[in-house]
N, C-alpha and C. Protein backbone atom coordinates (compact mmCIF):
# COMPACT_ATOMS: atom_id res chain seq x y z
N MET A 1 0.85 -1.18 0.00
CA MET A 1 0.00 0.00 0.00
C MET A 1 0.89 1.24 0.00
N SER A 2 0.64 2.13 -0.93
CA SER A 2 1.45 3.35 -0.96
C SER A 2 0.55 4.55 -1.13
N GLY A 3 1.02 5.68 -0.71
CA GLY A 3 0.26 6.91 -0.84
C GLY A 3 -0.72 7.10 0.31
N LEU A 4 -1.00 8.33 0.60
CA LEU A 4 -1.92 8.68 1.68
C LEU A 4 -3.31 8.88 1.13
N ALA A 5 -4.29 8.23 1.72
CA ALA A 5 -5.68 8.43 1.30
C ALA A 5 -6.12 9.83 1.69
N THR A 6 -6.71 10.55 0.77
CA THR A 6 -7.13 11.93 1.03
C THR A 6 -8.62 12.15 0.76
N ARG A 7 -9.35 11.07 0.53
CA ARG A 7 -10.76 11.22 0.23
C ARG A 7 -11.52 10.00 0.72
N CYS A 8 -12.71 10.25 1.25
CA CYS A 8 -13.57 9.17 1.73
C CYS A 8 -14.99 9.49 1.25
N GLU A 9 -15.62 8.54 0.59
CA GLU A 9 -16.95 8.80 0.04
C GLU A 9 -17.97 7.82 0.58
N LEU A 10 -19.15 8.34 0.86
CA LEU A 10 -20.31 7.53 1.18
C LEU A 10 -21.30 7.72 0.04
N GLU A 11 -21.60 6.66 -0.65
CA GLU A 11 -22.46 6.76 -1.83
C GLU A 11 -23.54 5.69 -1.76
N LEU A 12 -24.76 6.08 -2.05
CA LEU A 12 -25.85 5.12 -2.07
C LEU A 12 -25.78 4.26 -3.32
N PRO A 13 -26.28 3.02 -3.24
CA PRO A 13 -26.33 2.19 -4.44
C PRO A 13 -27.20 2.85 -5.52
N ALA A 14 -26.93 2.52 -6.76
CA ALA A 14 -27.61 3.17 -7.89
C ALA A 14 -29.12 2.99 -7.86
N TRP A 15 -29.60 1.91 -7.29
CA TRP A 15 -31.05 1.64 -7.31
C TRP A 15 -31.84 2.54 -6.37
N VAL A 16 -31.19 3.18 -5.39
CA VAL A 16 -31.90 3.88 -4.33
C VAL A 16 -32.69 5.10 -4.83
N GLY A 17 -32.07 5.93 -5.66
CA GLY A 17 -32.73 7.17 -6.10
C GLY A 17 -34.07 6.91 -6.76
N GLY A 18 -34.08 6.03 -7.73
CA GLY A 18 -35.32 5.72 -8.42
C GLY A 18 -36.35 5.08 -7.51
N PHE A 19 -35.90 4.24 -6.60
CA PHE A 19 -36.81 3.57 -5.68
C PHE A 19 -37.54 4.59 -4.81
N VAL A 20 -36.80 5.54 -4.27
CA VAL A 20 -37.42 6.56 -3.40
C VAL A 20 -38.34 7.47 -4.22
N GLU A 21 -37.92 7.82 -5.42
CA GLU A 21 -38.77 8.66 -6.28
C GLU A 21 -40.10 7.99 -6.59
N ARG A 22 -40.09 6.68 -6.73
CA ARG A 22 -41.33 5.94 -7.05
C ARG A 22 -42.18 5.66 -5.82
N TRP A 23 -41.66 5.91 -4.64
CA TRP A 23 -42.39 5.61 -3.42
C TRP A 23 -43.63 6.52 -3.36
N GLY A 24 -44.79 5.94 -3.46
CA GLY A 24 -46.00 6.74 -3.56
C GLY A 24 -46.77 6.91 -2.28
N ALA A 25 -46.43 6.16 -1.24
CA ALA A 25 -47.20 6.23 0.00
C ALA A 25 -46.93 7.54 0.73
N PRO A 26 -47.95 8.10 1.39
CA PRO A 26 -47.74 9.34 2.14
C PRO A 26 -46.80 9.13 3.32
N LEU A 27 -46.05 10.14 3.65
CA LEU A 27 -45.10 10.09 4.77
C LEU A 27 -45.63 10.97 5.90
N ASP A 28 -46.78 10.57 6.42
CA ASP A 28 -47.50 11.41 7.37
C ASP A 28 -47.48 10.89 8.80
N SER A 29 -46.63 9.91 9.08
CA SER A 29 -46.56 9.36 10.43
C SER A 29 -45.25 8.58 10.58
N PRO A 30 -44.85 8.31 11.84
CA PRO A 30 -43.65 7.49 12.04
C PRO A 30 -43.77 6.11 11.38
N ARG A 31 -44.96 5.52 11.43
CA ARG A 31 -45.15 4.20 10.82
C ARG A 31 -44.96 4.28 9.30
N ALA A 32 -45.43 5.36 8.70
CA ALA A 32 -45.27 5.52 7.25
C ALA A 32 -43.79 5.66 6.89
N GLY A 33 -43.06 6.43 7.68
CA GLY A 33 -41.61 6.56 7.46
C GLY A 33 -40.90 5.23 7.66
N MET A 34 -41.37 4.45 8.64
CA MET A 34 -40.74 3.16 8.89
C MET A 34 -41.02 2.19 7.74
N ARG A 35 -42.19 2.28 7.13
CA ARG A 35 -42.48 1.40 6.00
C ARG A 35 -41.50 1.66 4.85
N LEU A 36 -41.17 2.93 4.63
CA LEU A 36 -40.17 3.25 3.61
C LEU A 36 -38.80 2.70 4.01
N ALA A 37 -38.43 2.86 5.28
CA ALA A 37 -37.14 2.35 5.74
C ALA A 37 -37.07 0.83 5.59
N ILE A 38 -38.14 0.14 5.92
CA ILE A 38 -38.17 -1.33 5.78
C ILE A 38 -38.02 -1.71 4.31
N ALA A 39 -38.73 -0.99 3.44
CA ALA A 39 -38.64 -1.28 2.01
C ALA A 39 -37.22 -1.06 1.50
N LEU A 40 -36.55 0.00 1.97
CA LEU A 40 -35.16 0.26 1.56
C LEU A 40 -34.23 -0.84 2.05
N ALA A 41 -34.38 -1.25 3.30
CA ALA A 41 -33.53 -2.32 3.83
C ALA A 41 -33.77 -3.62 3.07
N THR A 42 -35.03 -3.90 2.75
CA THR A 42 -35.36 -5.11 1.99
C THR A 42 -34.68 -5.09 0.63
N GLN A 43 -34.74 -3.96 -0.04
CA GLN A 43 -34.09 -3.82 -1.35
C GLN A 43 -32.57 -3.94 -1.22
N ASN A 44 -32.03 -3.39 -0.15
CA ASN A 44 -30.58 -3.47 0.06
C ASN A 44 -30.14 -4.92 0.19
N ILE A 45 -30.96 -5.72 0.88
CA ILE A 45 -30.67 -7.14 1.02
C ILE A 45 -30.79 -7.84 -0.33
N GLU A 46 -31.90 -7.58 -1.03
CA GLU A 46 -32.16 -8.27 -2.29
C GLU A 46 -31.17 -7.91 -3.38
N HIS A 47 -30.67 -6.68 -3.36
CA HIS A 47 -29.67 -6.25 -4.34
C HIS A 47 -28.25 -6.64 -3.93
N ASP A 48 -28.12 -7.23 -2.74
CA ASP A 48 -26.81 -7.59 -2.21
C ASP A 48 -25.88 -6.38 -2.19
N SER A 49 -26.45 -5.23 -1.77
CA SER A 49 -25.67 -3.99 -1.78
C SER A 49 -25.36 -3.48 -0.38
N GLY A 50 -25.53 -4.32 0.63
CA GLY A 50 -25.20 -3.91 1.99
C GLY A 50 -26.01 -4.68 3.01
N GLY A 51 -25.87 -4.26 4.27
CA GLY A 51 -26.52 -4.95 5.38
C GLY A 51 -28.00 -4.64 5.53
N PRO A 52 -28.66 -5.28 6.51
CA PRO A 52 -30.11 -5.22 6.66
C PRO A 52 -30.62 -4.04 7.47
N PHE A 53 -30.06 -2.87 7.23
CA PHE A 53 -30.45 -1.67 7.98
C PHE A 53 -30.72 -0.53 7.00
N ALA A 54 -31.68 0.31 7.34
CA ALA A 54 -31.95 1.51 6.53
C ALA A 54 -32.44 2.63 7.44
N ALA A 55 -32.29 3.85 6.98
CA ALA A 55 -32.71 5.02 7.75
C ALA A 55 -33.25 6.09 6.80
N VAL A 56 -34.16 6.89 7.32
CA VAL A 56 -34.80 7.95 6.53
C VAL A 56 -34.81 9.22 7.37
N VAL A 57 -34.35 10.32 6.82
CA VAL A 57 -34.47 11.62 7.47
C VAL A 57 -35.71 12.30 6.89
N LEU A 58 -36.67 12.56 7.76
CA LEU A 58 -37.95 13.11 7.34
C LEU A 58 -38.17 14.52 7.87
N ASP A 59 -38.78 15.35 7.05
CA ASP A 59 -39.38 16.60 7.50
C ASP A 59 -40.86 16.28 7.63
N GLU A 60 -41.29 15.91 8.83
CA GLU A 60 -42.66 15.44 9.01
C GLU A 60 -43.68 16.53 8.73
N ALA A 61 -43.35 17.78 9.06
CA ALA A 61 -44.29 18.87 8.82
C ALA A 61 -44.57 19.02 7.33
N ALA A 62 -43.53 18.92 6.52
CA ALA A 62 -43.68 19.05 5.06
C ALA A 62 -43.98 17.72 4.39
N ARG A 63 -43.95 16.63 5.17
CA ARG A 63 -44.20 15.28 4.65
C ARG A 63 -43.27 14.95 3.48
N ARG A 64 -41.98 15.24 3.68
CA ARG A 64 -41.03 14.98 2.60
C ARG A 64 -39.79 14.28 3.14
N VAL A 65 -39.17 13.52 2.25
CA VAL A 65 -37.91 12.87 2.56
C VAL A 65 -36.78 13.85 2.30
N VAL A 66 -35.95 14.06 3.29
CA VAL A 66 -34.77 14.91 3.12
C VAL A 66 -33.61 14.08 2.60
N ALA A 67 -33.45 12.88 3.17
CA ALA A 67 -32.37 11.97 2.75
C ALA A 67 -32.69 10.57 3.25
N VAL A 68 -32.04 9.60 2.63
CA VAL A 68 -32.16 8.21 3.08
C VAL A 68 -30.76 7.61 3.16
N GLY A 69 -30.67 6.52 3.89
CA GLY A 69 -29.41 5.79 3.97
C GLY A 69 -29.70 4.30 4.07
N VAL A 70 -28.85 3.53 3.45
CA VAL A 70 -28.88 2.08 3.63
C VAL A 70 -27.49 1.67 4.08
N ASN A 71 -27.41 0.59 4.82
CA ASN A 71 -26.13 0.15 5.34
C ASN A 71 -25.18 -0.18 4.19
N GLN A 72 -23.97 0.39 4.25
CA GLN A 72 -22.98 0.22 3.20
C GLN A 72 -21.64 -0.27 3.72
N VAL A 73 -21.65 -0.88 4.91
CA VAL A 73 -20.39 -1.31 5.52
C VAL A 73 -19.62 -2.26 4.61
N THR A 74 -20.25 -3.35 4.19
CA THR A 74 -19.53 -4.32 3.37
C THR A 74 -19.32 -3.81 1.95
N ALA A 75 -20.29 -3.06 1.43
CA ALA A 75 -20.18 -2.57 0.05
C ALA A 75 -19.09 -1.51 -0.10
N SER A 76 -18.91 -0.67 0.92
CA SER A 76 -17.94 0.42 0.83
C SER A 76 -16.59 0.07 1.48
N GLY A 77 -16.59 -0.94 2.34
CA GLY A 77 -15.39 -1.26 3.09
C GLY A 77 -15.12 -0.26 4.21
N LEU A 78 -16.18 0.44 4.64
CA LEU A 78 -16.05 1.46 5.69
C LEU A 78 -16.91 1.05 6.89
N SER A 79 -16.29 0.89 8.04
CA SER A 79 -17.04 0.48 9.22
C SER A 79 -18.03 1.55 9.69
N ILE A 80 -17.81 2.80 9.29
CA ILE A 80 -18.72 3.88 9.70
C ILE A 80 -19.95 3.99 8.81
N ALA A 81 -20.03 3.21 7.75
CA ALA A 81 -21.10 3.40 6.76
C ALA A 81 -22.40 2.72 7.18
N HIS A 82 -22.82 3.02 8.41
CA HIS A 82 -24.11 2.56 8.89
C HIS A 82 -25.21 3.40 8.26
N ALA A 83 -26.40 2.84 8.17
CA ALA A 83 -27.51 3.54 7.49
C ALA A 83 -27.77 4.91 8.09
N GLU A 84 -27.71 5.02 9.42
CA GLU A 84 -27.99 6.31 10.07
C GLU A 84 -26.94 7.35 9.71
N ILE A 85 -25.67 6.94 9.74
CA ILE A 85 -24.58 7.87 9.42
C ILE A 85 -24.69 8.33 7.97
N VAL A 86 -25.01 7.39 7.08
CA VAL A 86 -25.16 7.73 5.66
C VAL A 86 -26.32 8.70 5.48
N ALA A 87 -27.47 8.41 6.09
CA ALA A 87 -28.65 9.28 5.94
C ALA A 87 -28.40 10.67 6.51
N LEU A 88 -27.81 10.74 7.70
CA LEU A 88 -27.54 12.04 8.32
C LEU A 88 -26.53 12.83 7.50
N SER A 89 -25.50 12.16 7.01
CA SER A 89 -24.47 12.85 6.20
C SER A 89 -25.07 13.40 4.91
N LEU A 90 -25.91 12.61 4.25
CA LEU A 90 -26.52 13.07 3.01
C LEU A 90 -27.52 14.18 3.26
N ALA A 91 -28.23 14.15 4.40
CA ALA A 91 -29.14 15.24 4.74
C ALA A 91 -28.36 16.53 4.97
N GLN A 92 -27.25 16.43 5.68
CA GLN A 92 -26.42 17.60 5.94
C GLN A 92 -25.84 18.15 4.64
N GLN A 93 -25.43 17.26 3.76
CA GLN A 93 -24.90 17.70 2.47
C GLN A 93 -25.99 18.37 1.64
N ARG A 94 -27.16 17.78 1.61
CA ARG A 94 -28.26 18.35 0.83
C ARG A 94 -28.66 19.73 1.33
N LEU A 95 -28.70 19.89 2.66
CA LEU A 95 -29.14 21.16 3.25
C LEU A 95 -27.98 22.14 3.44
N GLY A 96 -26.75 21.66 3.23
CA GLY A 96 -25.60 22.56 3.32
C GLY A 96 -25.30 23.02 4.73
N ASP A 97 -25.58 22.17 5.72
CA ASP A 97 -25.37 22.56 7.11
C ASP A 97 -25.16 21.32 7.96
N TRP A 98 -24.14 21.33 8.79
CA TRP A 98 -23.89 20.21 9.70
C TRP A 98 -24.94 20.14 10.79
N ASN A 99 -25.62 21.26 11.06
CA ASN A 99 -26.62 21.31 12.12
C ASN A 99 -28.02 21.28 11.50
N LEU A 100 -28.62 20.11 11.45
CA LEU A 100 -29.92 19.96 10.80
C LEU A 100 -31.03 20.70 11.52
N ALA A 101 -30.81 21.06 12.79
CA ALA A 101 -31.84 21.79 13.53
C ALA A 101 -32.05 23.19 12.99
N ARG A 102 -31.10 23.73 12.25
CA ARG A 102 -31.27 25.09 11.71
C ARG A 102 -32.22 25.11 10.53
N GLU A 103 -32.45 23.95 9.92
CA GLU A 103 -33.30 23.91 8.73
C GLU A 103 -34.76 23.69 9.10
N ALA A 104 -35.03 22.69 9.90
CA ALA A 104 -36.39 22.33 10.26
C ALA A 104 -36.33 21.34 11.41
N ARG A 105 -37.49 20.96 11.91
CA ARG A 105 -37.56 19.93 12.95
C ARG A 105 -37.58 18.57 12.25
N LEU A 106 -36.42 17.94 12.18
CA LEU A 106 -36.29 16.72 11.40
C LEU A 106 -36.31 15.47 12.27
N THR A 107 -36.80 14.38 11.68
CA THR A 107 -36.92 13.09 12.34
C THR A 107 -36.02 12.08 11.63
N LEU A 108 -35.31 11.28 12.41
CA LEU A 108 -34.56 10.16 11.85
C LEU A 108 -35.34 8.89 12.16
N VAL A 109 -35.77 8.21 11.11
CA VAL A 109 -36.47 6.93 11.24
C VAL A 109 -35.47 5.85 10.87
N THR A 110 -35.28 4.87 11.74
CA THR A 110 -34.29 3.84 11.48
C THR A 110 -34.83 2.47 11.84
N THR A 111 -34.47 1.48 11.03
CA THR A 111 -35.02 0.14 11.20
C THR A 111 -34.54 -0.55 12.47
N CYS A 112 -33.53 -0.01 13.12
CA CYS A 112 -33.03 -0.59 14.37
C CYS A 112 -32.56 0.52 15.29
N GLU A 113 -32.64 0.27 16.58
CA GLU A 113 -32.10 1.23 17.53
C GLU A 113 -30.65 1.52 17.19
N PRO A 114 -30.17 2.72 17.49
CA PRO A 114 -28.79 3.06 17.12
C PRO A 114 -27.75 2.24 17.88
N CYS A 115 -26.70 1.88 17.16
CA CYS A 115 -25.55 1.27 17.80
C CYS A 115 -24.81 2.36 18.58
N ALA A 116 -23.71 2.00 19.21
CA ALA A 116 -22.95 2.98 20.00
C ALA A 116 -22.48 4.15 19.15
N MET A 117 -22.00 3.88 17.94
CA MET A 117 -21.51 4.94 17.07
C MET A 117 -22.63 5.88 16.64
N CYS A 118 -23.74 5.31 16.19
CA CYS A 118 -24.85 6.13 15.70
C CYS A 118 -25.51 6.90 16.83
N PHE A 119 -25.57 6.29 18.01
CA PHE A 119 -26.06 6.99 19.19
C PHE A 119 -25.22 8.24 19.45
N GLY A 120 -23.90 8.08 19.36
CA GLY A 120 -23.02 9.22 19.59
C GLY A 120 -23.19 10.33 18.57
N ALA A 121 -23.57 9.97 17.35
CA ALA A 121 -23.71 10.97 16.28
C ALA A 121 -25.00 11.77 16.38
N LEU A 122 -26.01 11.21 17.02
CA LEU A 122 -27.33 11.85 17.02
C LEU A 122 -27.35 13.25 17.62
N PRO A 123 -26.80 13.48 18.81
CA PRO A 123 -26.89 14.83 19.39
C PRO A 123 -26.24 15.91 18.54
N TRP A 124 -25.19 15.56 17.80
CA TRP A 124 -24.49 16.55 16.98
C TRP A 124 -25.14 16.75 15.61
N SER A 125 -26.06 15.87 15.26
CA SER A 125 -26.65 15.97 13.92
C SER A 125 -27.69 17.08 13.82
N GLY A 126 -28.40 17.32 14.91
CA GLY A 126 -29.46 18.33 14.88
C GLY A 126 -30.86 17.75 14.69
N VAL A 127 -30.99 16.42 14.55
CA VAL A 127 -32.34 15.87 14.46
C VAL A 127 -33.04 16.05 15.80
N ARG A 128 -34.34 16.18 15.78
CA ARG A 128 -35.11 16.43 16.99
C ARG A 128 -35.98 15.25 17.39
N ARG A 129 -35.99 14.22 16.56
CA ARG A 129 -36.80 13.05 16.88
C ARG A 129 -36.15 11.81 16.30
N LEU A 130 -36.19 10.71 17.05
CA LEU A 130 -35.66 9.43 16.61
C LEU A 130 -36.77 8.40 16.72
N VAL A 131 -37.02 7.69 15.63
CA VAL A 131 -38.03 6.63 15.59
C VAL A 131 -37.32 5.34 15.23
N CYS A 132 -37.44 4.31 16.08
CA CYS A 132 -36.71 3.06 15.90
C CYS A 132 -37.67 1.88 15.73
N GLY A 133 -37.23 0.89 14.95
CA GLY A 133 -37.98 -0.33 14.76
C GLY A 133 -37.47 -1.43 15.68
N ALA A 134 -36.54 -2.24 15.18
CA ALA A 134 -35.99 -3.34 15.97
C ALA A 134 -35.18 -2.80 17.14
N ARG A 135 -34.98 -3.64 18.12
CA ARG A 135 -34.18 -3.26 19.29
C ARG A 135 -32.74 -3.76 19.15
N GLN A 136 -31.88 -3.21 19.97
CA GLN A 136 -30.47 -3.60 19.97
C GLN A 136 -30.33 -5.11 20.14
N GLU A 137 -31.12 -5.69 21.05
CA GLU A 137 -31.00 -7.13 21.29
C GLU A 137 -31.39 -7.96 20.07
N ASP A 138 -32.26 -7.40 19.22
CA ASP A 138 -32.63 -8.11 17.99
C ASP A 138 -31.44 -8.20 17.04
N ALA A 139 -30.72 -7.09 16.90
CA ALA A 139 -29.52 -7.08 16.04
C ALA A 139 -28.43 -7.98 16.62
N GLU A 140 -28.27 -7.93 17.93
CA GLU A 140 -27.24 -8.74 18.57
C GLU A 140 -27.58 -10.23 18.48
N ALA A 141 -28.86 -10.57 18.55
CA ALA A 141 -29.26 -11.97 18.42
C ALA A 141 -28.93 -12.50 17.03
N ALA A 142 -28.89 -11.59 16.04
CA ALA A 142 -28.53 -11.98 14.67
C ALA A 142 -27.02 -12.04 14.48
N GLY A 143 -26.26 -11.61 15.49
CA GLY A 143 -24.80 -11.70 15.42
C GLY A 143 -24.09 -10.37 15.28
N PHE A 144 -24.82 -9.27 15.12
CA PHE A 144 -24.17 -7.96 14.97
C PHE A 144 -23.70 -7.44 16.32
N ASP A 145 -22.57 -6.75 16.32
CA ASP A 145 -22.03 -6.12 17.52
C ASP A 145 -22.49 -4.67 17.52
N GLU A 146 -23.35 -4.33 18.47
CA GLU A 146 -23.90 -2.97 18.52
C GLU A 146 -23.09 -2.03 19.41
N GLY A 147 -22.07 -2.54 20.05
CA GLY A 147 -21.20 -1.69 20.86
C GLY A 147 -21.83 -1.35 22.21
N ASP A 148 -21.09 -0.57 22.98
CA ASP A 148 -21.52 -0.19 24.33
C ASP A 148 -22.09 1.22 24.33
N LYS A 149 -23.28 1.36 24.86
CA LYS A 149 -23.87 2.67 25.05
C LYS A 149 -24.58 2.67 26.40
N PRO A 150 -24.90 3.82 26.95
CA PRO A 150 -25.50 3.86 28.30
C PRO A 150 -26.81 3.07 28.35
N ALA A 151 -27.05 2.44 29.49
CA ALA A 151 -28.31 1.72 29.67
C ALA A 151 -29.49 2.67 29.56
N ASP A 152 -29.29 3.91 29.96
CA ASP A 152 -30.35 4.91 29.90
C ASP A 152 -30.19 5.82 28.68
N TRP A 153 -29.84 5.22 27.53
CA TRP A 153 -29.56 6.00 26.33
C TRP A 153 -30.76 6.82 25.87
N VAL A 154 -31.96 6.31 26.08
CA VAL A 154 -33.16 7.06 25.67
C VAL A 154 -33.25 8.35 26.49
N ALA A 155 -33.09 8.22 27.81
CA ALA A 155 -33.16 9.40 28.67
C ALA A 155 -32.07 10.40 28.33
N SER A 156 -30.91 9.89 27.94
CA SER A 156 -29.81 10.77 27.55
C SER A 156 -30.17 11.60 26.33
N LEU A 157 -30.80 10.98 25.33
CA LEU A 157 -31.22 11.74 24.15
C LEU A 157 -32.34 12.71 24.47
N VAL A 158 -33.28 12.28 25.27
CA VAL A 158 -34.40 13.16 25.66
C VAL A 158 -33.86 14.39 26.38
N ALA A 159 -32.87 14.20 27.25
CA ALA A 159 -32.27 15.33 27.97
C ALA A 159 -31.62 16.31 27.02
N ARG A 160 -31.24 15.85 25.83
CA ARG A 160 -30.63 16.72 24.83
C ARG A 160 -31.66 17.26 23.84
N GLY A 161 -32.94 17.05 24.12
CA GLY A 161 -33.99 17.61 23.28
C GLY A 161 -34.38 16.74 22.10
N ILE A 162 -34.04 15.45 22.14
CA ILE A 162 -34.39 14.54 21.05
C ILE A 162 -35.45 13.56 21.54
N GLU A 163 -36.65 13.64 20.97
CA GLU A 163 -37.71 12.69 21.32
C GLU A 163 -37.35 11.31 20.78
N VAL A 164 -37.74 10.27 21.49
CA VAL A 164 -37.45 8.90 21.06
C VAL A 164 -38.72 8.07 21.09
N GLU A 165 -38.99 7.39 19.98
CA GLU A 165 -40.10 6.44 19.91
C GLU A 165 -39.52 5.10 19.47
N ARG A 166 -39.82 4.05 20.24
CA ARG A 166 -39.24 2.73 19.98
C ARG A 166 -40.31 1.73 19.54
N ASP A 167 -39.85 0.62 18.99
CA ASP A 167 -40.69 -0.52 18.66
C ASP A 167 -41.74 -0.24 17.58
N VAL A 168 -41.48 0.70 16.70
CA VAL A 168 -42.39 0.98 15.59
C VAL A 168 -42.21 -0.10 14.53
N LEU A 169 -43.22 -0.90 14.31
CA LEU A 169 -43.18 -2.03 13.38
C LEU A 169 -42.00 -2.96 13.70
N ARG A 170 -41.82 -3.23 14.98
CA ARG A 170 -40.67 -4.03 15.43
C ARG A 170 -40.66 -5.42 14.80
N THR A 171 -41.81 -6.06 14.70
CA THR A 171 -41.84 -7.41 14.13
C THR A 171 -41.31 -7.41 12.70
N GLU A 172 -41.74 -6.42 11.91
CA GLU A 172 -41.32 -6.33 10.51
C GLU A 172 -39.84 -5.99 10.39
N THR A 173 -39.35 -5.10 11.25
CA THR A 173 -37.94 -4.71 11.17
C THR A 173 -37.04 -5.84 11.66
N ARG A 174 -37.47 -6.54 12.68
CA ARG A 174 -36.68 -7.67 13.20
C ARG A 174 -36.55 -8.77 12.13
N ALA A 175 -37.58 -8.93 11.30
CA ALA A 175 -37.57 -9.95 10.26
C ALA A 175 -36.49 -9.70 9.21
N LEU A 176 -36.00 -8.46 9.09
CA LEU A 176 -34.96 -8.14 8.13
C LEU A 176 -33.69 -8.94 8.39
N PHE A 177 -33.39 -9.20 9.66
CA PHE A 177 -32.17 -9.94 10.00
C PHE A 177 -32.24 -11.38 9.49
N GLY A 178 -33.42 -12.00 9.64
CA GLY A 178 -33.60 -13.35 9.14
C GLY A 178 -33.47 -13.42 7.63
N ALA A 179 -34.05 -12.43 6.94
CA ALA A 179 -33.96 -12.39 5.48
C ALA A 179 -32.51 -12.25 5.03
N TYR A 180 -31.75 -11.42 5.74
CA TYR A 180 -30.35 -11.20 5.41
C TYR A 180 -29.54 -12.48 5.59
N ARG A 181 -29.78 -13.17 6.67
CA ARG A 181 -29.04 -14.41 6.93
C ARG A 181 -29.39 -15.50 5.93
N ARG A 182 -30.68 -15.59 5.57
CA ARG A 182 -31.10 -16.62 4.61
C ARG A 182 -30.41 -16.45 3.26
N LEU A 183 -30.11 -15.20 2.90
CA LEU A 183 -29.44 -14.94 1.63
C LEU A 183 -27.91 -14.95 1.76
N GLY A 184 -27.43 -15.33 2.92
CA GLY A 184 -25.98 -15.47 3.11
C GLY A 184 -25.25 -14.17 3.35
N GLY A 185 -25.94 -13.15 3.85
CA GLY A 185 -25.30 -11.86 4.11
C GLY A 185 -24.24 -11.96 5.19
N GLU A 186 -23.18 -11.19 5.03
CA GLU A 186 -22.07 -11.20 5.98
C GLU A 186 -22.46 -10.52 7.27
N ILE A 187 -22.22 -11.19 8.38
CA ILE A 187 -22.42 -10.59 9.71
C ILE A 187 -21.08 -10.01 10.12
N TYR A 188 -20.91 -8.71 9.91
CA TYR A 188 -19.64 -8.07 10.21
C TYR A 188 -19.59 -7.76 11.70
N ASN A 189 -18.51 -8.23 12.33
CA ASN A 189 -18.38 -8.14 13.76
C ASN A 189 -16.92 -8.39 14.11
N VAL A 190 -16.23 -7.37 14.54
CA VAL A 190 -14.81 -7.53 14.88
C VAL A 190 -14.70 -8.08 16.29
N GLY A 191 -14.14 -9.26 16.43
CA GLY A 191 -14.00 -9.89 17.75
C GLY A 191 -12.91 -9.24 18.57
N ALA A 192 -12.77 -9.70 19.81
CA ALA A 192 -11.79 -9.13 20.73
C ALA A 192 -10.36 -9.30 20.22
N ASP A 193 -10.12 -10.31 19.37
CA ASP A 193 -8.78 -10.52 18.86
C ASP A 193 -8.50 -9.71 17.60
N GLY A 194 -9.49 -8.88 17.21
CA GLY A 194 -9.31 -8.05 16.03
C GLY A 194 -9.72 -8.71 14.74
N ALA A 195 -10.06 -9.99 14.79
CA ALA A 195 -10.47 -10.69 13.58
C ALA A 195 -11.97 -10.52 13.34
N GLY A 196 -12.34 -10.38 12.11
CA GLY A 196 -13.75 -10.21 11.79
C GLY A 196 -14.48 -11.54 11.82
N ASP A 197 -15.65 -11.54 12.40
CA ASP A 197 -16.51 -12.73 12.37
C ASP A 197 -17.48 -12.59 11.21
N SER A 198 -17.89 -13.69 10.65
CA SER A 198 -18.89 -13.61 9.58
C SER A 198 -19.80 -14.82 9.62
């Protein structure tokens, strides 16, 4: 390996843009946003373009999608390319501001509760609401390492002005892990010895 890397890109798979444009269902509730996130995660699995997670940044008042993200860890070779990080980064890029709170009261809808990394990113993103489907234990039961975060993580976000709603369509979001495993998806998980499990 030679030369210093000077650029890092997070890019959605080619199928995502058209899929979201064709999405005809109204985005007038957390459940409606979660249905889009589930559909994105399902497509991500079926296209073999990443892991079984998806996220949507919504402007609920305007009923519009600001940005979406699908898990790109294996596709990009970047451990940070979780669906939430991708969606938040693309929302910030689209709006031209690292602080999403300056634009509108935005909601992050995600098919699973945030891992330790995504939890840490939420307060700095500017989103004012978090809507989650599957729980951390659901992802961990499938073999994913969600990292360490405070037991009272919900209260921590609420104290920072971020509303949290959990278990929205949990059964449907939890089923994404089974679909991913059935198709032979890689369970990326760095063990204590530094070796990746799959």
